[in-house]
Structures are given as structure tokens and as C-alpha cells.
Amino acid sequence: MKYSAGMVSCLFWLNEAINTIPYYLDKVSVTDMKNIAVSQNLYQVRAEDRCRRIAGVVYKRLNVLTLELIIELRNSDINTAKIVHLISIMKSDLLFFEFMNLVFKKSLQLGKKNLDDADIKNFFDEKIAQSSEVANFSESAIYKLKQTYVKFLIESGLVENAQSKKILTPYIDYRLQELLKQTGYGIYLSTITGIDYE
């Protein structure tokens, strides 16, 4: 998987994902899904190209989840759904996963109460030095990615707000923990909790 700055034009889109699941489970193609989303205004957006973009991104996120996790996303309480959805974003975007692993998880393991702006900056500085792909991102794209990553953490319930960036401990019930570990998603559970599972 390559690094991408595509997330600068994305929102969290949890409700959009949940609304798309019935079509996804019916094996509607992504092309047909885009047409359905436009014709039914499924995502309540005015611009047709934006509607198609949401459908494409949501399908990409759903594609990386097992059937069990898709059902969990559709049927669970809102807090659990946010965690499963965040995992789908981590699994479908390499740069965001590495951010979560190297900044968020490390902050948890070091006992930090807040996400540190310096840690966020250092992460991107290191990626720019290591990757020609990231080095080619514009300054504005890097700036927007920093904002978007923090916003996703807020929307998923892992950070309190953009000012303090206070880290919140998510409640992940035992059943979901076991499901994640059994289906090969333990690495994402570890990233969110800071706990290394065997």
C-alpha cells in the first residue's frame, strides 16, 4: 500500500458507512453504488461528485473489514461502531495507520495525557525524510492531514478536543476485543488501546 494524502478531502463518514452497508452486503458494485448514492441523495450532499467520492471512500473502508466486523459496525452501539469504523480507516490508509501506531499508541504507552503537537510534527517530518511520496505532498496537504487525523480521533472518541488534545480511554467490550484478535485485527486493537496483545 502506498502513502496517500487523499484523506485531506475525506471526513469521518460513519453514518454514511452505516447507510451503505445494506448495499455493500447485497454486493452492489462500487460504480452502481455511486449512481444509487447520487439518485437517492443517500449522503445528503449537494454536489454529485462529492456524493460519488463518499461512496468510493466508504466502499474502500468497508472492503478491508471482515463480514463479522461489518455486521458489528451496522448493529452495535455508537461507541463500538466508531471504533470499528476507525479500524477500517487505519486498515485502508497506511499513513494514518502509521500515525496511529507511532504517535497515538506511543503516547498511550508513555503515559501521556495529551497528544503532543511536537510528536505530530515529528511524525510528518520523519515521513518526509523517509518517503519520496510524502516529500512530494504540498505544505497545505501536510497541514490538512494533521488536522484531519486529530479530527478523526475526536470523532472516534479517542481525543477530547482539538485544543487540549486530551487522550480519552475508549471502552472496548470484551466480545469486540476477542473478535478483533480472532480475525487478525489485534494489531489495530493494540494501536487504539496501547496494549500489546500476543
Protein backbone atom coordinates (compact mmCIF):
# COMPACT_ATOMS: atom_id res chain seq x y z
CA MET A 1 0.00 0.00 0.00
CA LYS A 2 1.29 3.45 -0.92
CA TYR A 3 1.18 6.59 1.17
CA SER A 4 -1.64 8.92 0.19
CA ALA A 5 -2.77 12.44 1.02
CA GLY A 6 -6.27 11.60 -0.16
CA MET A 7 -7.63 11.90 3.36
CA VAL A 8 -7.42 15.70 3.14
CA SER A 9 -10.73 15.59 1.24
CA CYS A 10 -12.35 12.98 3.49
CA LEU A 11 -14.47 13.22 6.60
CA PHE A 12 -15.08 10.50 9.17
CA TRP A 13 -18.32 9.45 7.39
CA LEU A 14 -19.54 6.94 9.99
CA ASN A 15 -23.26 7.41 9.22
CA GLU A 16 -22.51 7.25 5.52
CA ALA A 17 -20.74 3.92 6.02
CA ILE A 18 -23.64 2.50 8.03
CA ASN A 19 -26.14 3.67 5.38
CA THR A 20 -24.04 2.00 2.67
CA ILE A 21 -23.72 -1.39 4.39
CA PRO A 22 -27.06 -2.86 3.11
CA TYR A 23 -25.97 -2.19 -0.49
CA TYR A 24 -22.48 -3.50 0.19
CA LEU A 25 -23.87 -6.74 1.65
CA ASP A 26 -26.11 -7.08 -1.40
CA LYS A 27 -22.91 -6.99 -3.47
CA VAL A 28 -23.82 -3.80 -5.30
CA SER A 29 -20.74 -2.73 -7.29
CA VAL A 30 -18.98 0.47 -6.32
CA THR A 31 -19.98 2.01 -9.68
CA ASP A 32 -23.63 1.19 -9.10
CA MET A 33 -23.32 2.38 -5.51
CA LYS A 34 -22.11 5.78 -6.71
CA ASN A 35 -25.12 6.04 -9.04
CA ILE A 36 -27.54 4.97 -6.28
CA ALA A 37 -26.00 7.45 -3.84
CA VAL A 38 -26.50 10.27 -6.36
CA SER A 39 -30.03 9.31 -7.45
CA GLN A 40 -31.25 8.81 -3.86
CA ASN A 41 -29.09 11.58 -2.34
CA LEU A 42 -28.07 8.92 0.16
CA TYR A 43 -25.43 11.05 1.85
CA GLN A 44 -27.35 14.35 1.88
CA VAL A 45 -24.74 16.32 -0.06
CA ARG A 46 -25.44 18.74 -2.89
CA ALA A 47 -22.51 18.13 -5.22
CA GLU A 48 -22.77 14.96 -7.33
CA ASP A 49 -19.00 14.48 -7.48
CA ARG A 50 -18.82 14.73 -3.68
CA CYS A 51 -21.52 12.08 -3.38
CA ARG A 52 -19.58 9.76 -5.69
CA ARG A 53 -16.38 10.44 -3.74
CA ILE A 54 -18.04 9.47 -0.45
CA ALA A 55 -19.38 6.23 -1.94
CA GLY A 56 -15.93 5.30 -3.25
CA VAL A 57 -14.16 6.02 0.03
CA VAL A 58 -16.80 4.26 2.12
CA TYR A 59 -16.59 1.16 -0.10
CA LYS A 60 -12.81 1.14 0.24
CA ARG A 61 -13.16 1.24 4.02
CA LEU A 62 -15.80 -1.50 4.12
CA ASN A 63 -13.68 -3.68 1.82
CA VAL A 64 -10.97 -4.09 4.47
CA LEU A 65 -13.35 -5.37 7.16
CA THR A 66 -14.43 -8.95 7.68
CA LEU A 67 -18.14 -9.73 7.38
CA GLU A 68 -18.30 -10.07 11.19
CA LEU A 69 -16.90 -6.56 11.65
CA ILE A 70 -19.24 -5.09 9.04
CA ILE A 71 -22.18 -6.60 10.94
CA GLU A 72 -20.69 -5.20 14.16
CA LEU A 73 -20.42 -1.77 12.57
CA ARG A 74 -24.05 -1.90 11.47
CA ASN A 75 -25.61 -3.37 14.61
CA SER A 76 -23.54 -2.20 17.58
CA ASP A 77 -23.86 0.84 19.84
CA ILE A 78 -22.44 4.12 18.56
CA ASN A 79 -19.19 3.96 20.55
CA THR A 80 -18.39 0.47 19.30
CA ALA A 81 -19.31 1.48 15.75
CA LYS A 82 -16.87 4.42 15.97
CA ILE A 83 -14.03 2.08 16.98
CA VAL A 84 -14.77 -0.42 14.20
CA HIS A 85 -15.01 2.42 11.68
CA LEU A 86 -11.71 3.90 12.86
CA ILE A 87 -10.11 0.49 12.35
CA SER A 88 -11.44 0.42 8.78
CA ILE A 89 -9.77 3.79 8.16
CA MET A 90 -6.47 2.62 9.68
CA LYS A 91 -6.53 -0.56 7.61
CA SER A 92 -7.30 1.29 4.36
CA ASP A 93 -4.82 4.17 4.79
CA LEU A 94 -1.18 3.27 5.51
CA LEU A 95 -0.03 6.74 6.53
CA PHE A 96 -2.88 7.12 9.02
CA PHE A 97 -2.15 3.68 10.48
CA GLU A 98 1.50 4.58 10.96
CA PHE A 99 0.46 7.87 12.57
CA MET A 100 -1.79 5.97 14.97
CA ASN A 101 0.96 3.47 15.75
CA LEU A 102 3.86 5.91 16.11
CA VAL A 103 2.07 8.87 17.68
CA PHE A 104 -1.17 7.78 19.36
CA LYS A 105 -0.14 4.32 20.60
CA LYS A 106 3.28 5.55 21.70
CA SER A 107 1.63 8.41 23.63
CA LEU A 108 -0.53 5.87 25.46
CA GLN A 109 2.43 3.67 26.26
CA LEU A 110 4.43 6.63 27.58
CA GLY A 111 1.51 7.60 29.82
CA LYS A 112 0.95 10.95 28.15
CA LYS A 113 -2.34 12.68 28.96
CA ASN A 114 -2.47 14.63 25.69
CA LEU A 115 -1.36 14.26 22.11
CA ASP A 116 1.69 16.45 21.68
CA ASP A 117 1.84 18.84 18.70
CA ALA A 118 5.60 18.26 18.58
CA ASP A 119 5.06 14.49 18.24
CA ILE A 120 2.64 15.07 15.36
CA LYS A 121 5.10 17.41 13.66
CA ASN A 122 7.98 14.99 14.18
CA PHE A 123 5.99 12.15 12.65
CA PHE A 124 5.43 14.07 9.43
CA ASP A 125 8.99 15.41 9.37
CA GLU A 126 10.31 11.85 9.61
CA LYS A 127 7.96 10.61 6.91
CA ILE A 128 9.04 13.44 4.61
CA ALA A 129 12.66 12.42 5.18
CA GLN A 130 11.94 8.70 4.67
CA SER A 131 9.47 8.72 1.78
CA SER A 132 9.62 10.49 -1.57
CA GLU A 133 5.83 10.09 -1.77
CA VAL A 134 5.27 12.07 1.42
CA ALA A 135 8.04 14.52 0.50
CA ASN A 136 6.00 15.37 -2.61
CA PHE A 137 2.93 16.32 -0.57
CA SER A 138 2.34 20.08 -0.53
CA GLU A 139 2.70 22.00 2.72
CA SER A 140 -1.04 22.64 2.71
CA ALA A 141 -1.71 18.91 2.32
CA ILE A 142 0.51 18.09 5.31
CA TYR A 143 -1.24 20.80 7.35
CA LYS A 144 -4.67 19.43 6.42
CA LEU A 145 -3.62 15.86 7.16
CA LYS A 146 -2.56 16.87 10.68
CA GLN A 147 -5.96 18.49 11.21
CA THR A 148 -7.85 15.56 9.69
CA TYR A 149 -6.04 12.93 11.77
CA VAL A 150 -6.80 14.77 15.00
CA LYS A 151 -10.41 15.32 13.90
CA PHE A 152 -10.83 11.59 13.25
CA LEU A 153 -9.52 10.85 16.75
CA ILE A 154 -12.04 13.30 18.18
CA GLU A 155 -14.92 11.82 16.18
CA SER A 156 -13.95 8.28 17.18
CA GLY A 157 -13.92 9.23 20.87
CA LEU A 158 -10.17 8.86 21.44
CA VAL A 159 -9.34 12.57 21.86
CA GLU A 160 -11.43 15.15 23.72
CA ASN A 161 -10.98 18.22 21.51
CA ALA A 162 -8.59 19.93 19.09
CA GLN A 163 -7.35 22.44 21.67
CA SER A 164 -6.25 20.22 24.56
CA LYS A 165 -5.93 17.02 22.51
CA LYS A 166 -6.61 15.17 25.75
CA ILE A 167 -6.43 11.41 25.20
CA LEU A 168 -9.56 9.52 26.22
CA THR A 169 -9.58 5.83 27.13
CA PRO A 170 -12.10 4.05 24.93
CA TYR A 171 -14.36 1.37 26.30
CA ILE A 172 -13.99 -1.68 24.07
CA ASP A 173 -16.08 -4.56 25.32
CA TYR A 174 -14.55 -7.99 25.75
CA ARG A 175 -16.58 -9.51 22.91
CA LEU A 176 -15.26 -6.98 20.38
CA GLN A 177 -11.73 -7.39 21.70
CA GLU A 178 -11.93 -11.15 21.15
CA LEU A 179 -13.47 -10.71 17.69
CA LEU A 180 -10.66 -8.38 16.65
CA LYS A 181 -7.98 -10.73 17.93
CA GLN A 182 -9.57 -13.82 16.36
CA THR A 183 -9.95 -12.20 12.93
CA GLY A 184 -6.39 -10.86 12.68
CA TYR A 185 -7.18 -7.27 13.71
CA GLY A 186 -5.32 -7.44 17.02
CA ILE A 187 -2.70 -5.00 15.74
CA TYR A 188 -5.38 -2.33 15.34
CA LEU A 189 -6.82 -3.06 18.78
CA SER A 190 -3.30 -2.68 20.18
CA THR A 191 -2.88 0.66 18.41
CA ILE A 192 -6.08 2.02 19.95
CA THR A 193 -5.51 0.71 23.48
CA GLY A 194 -1.71 0.88 23.73
CA ILE A 195 -1.70 -2.72 24.90
CA ASP A 196 0.40 -5.29 23.02
CA TYR A 197 -1.63 -8.47 22.58
CA GLU A 198 0.06 -11.79 21.87
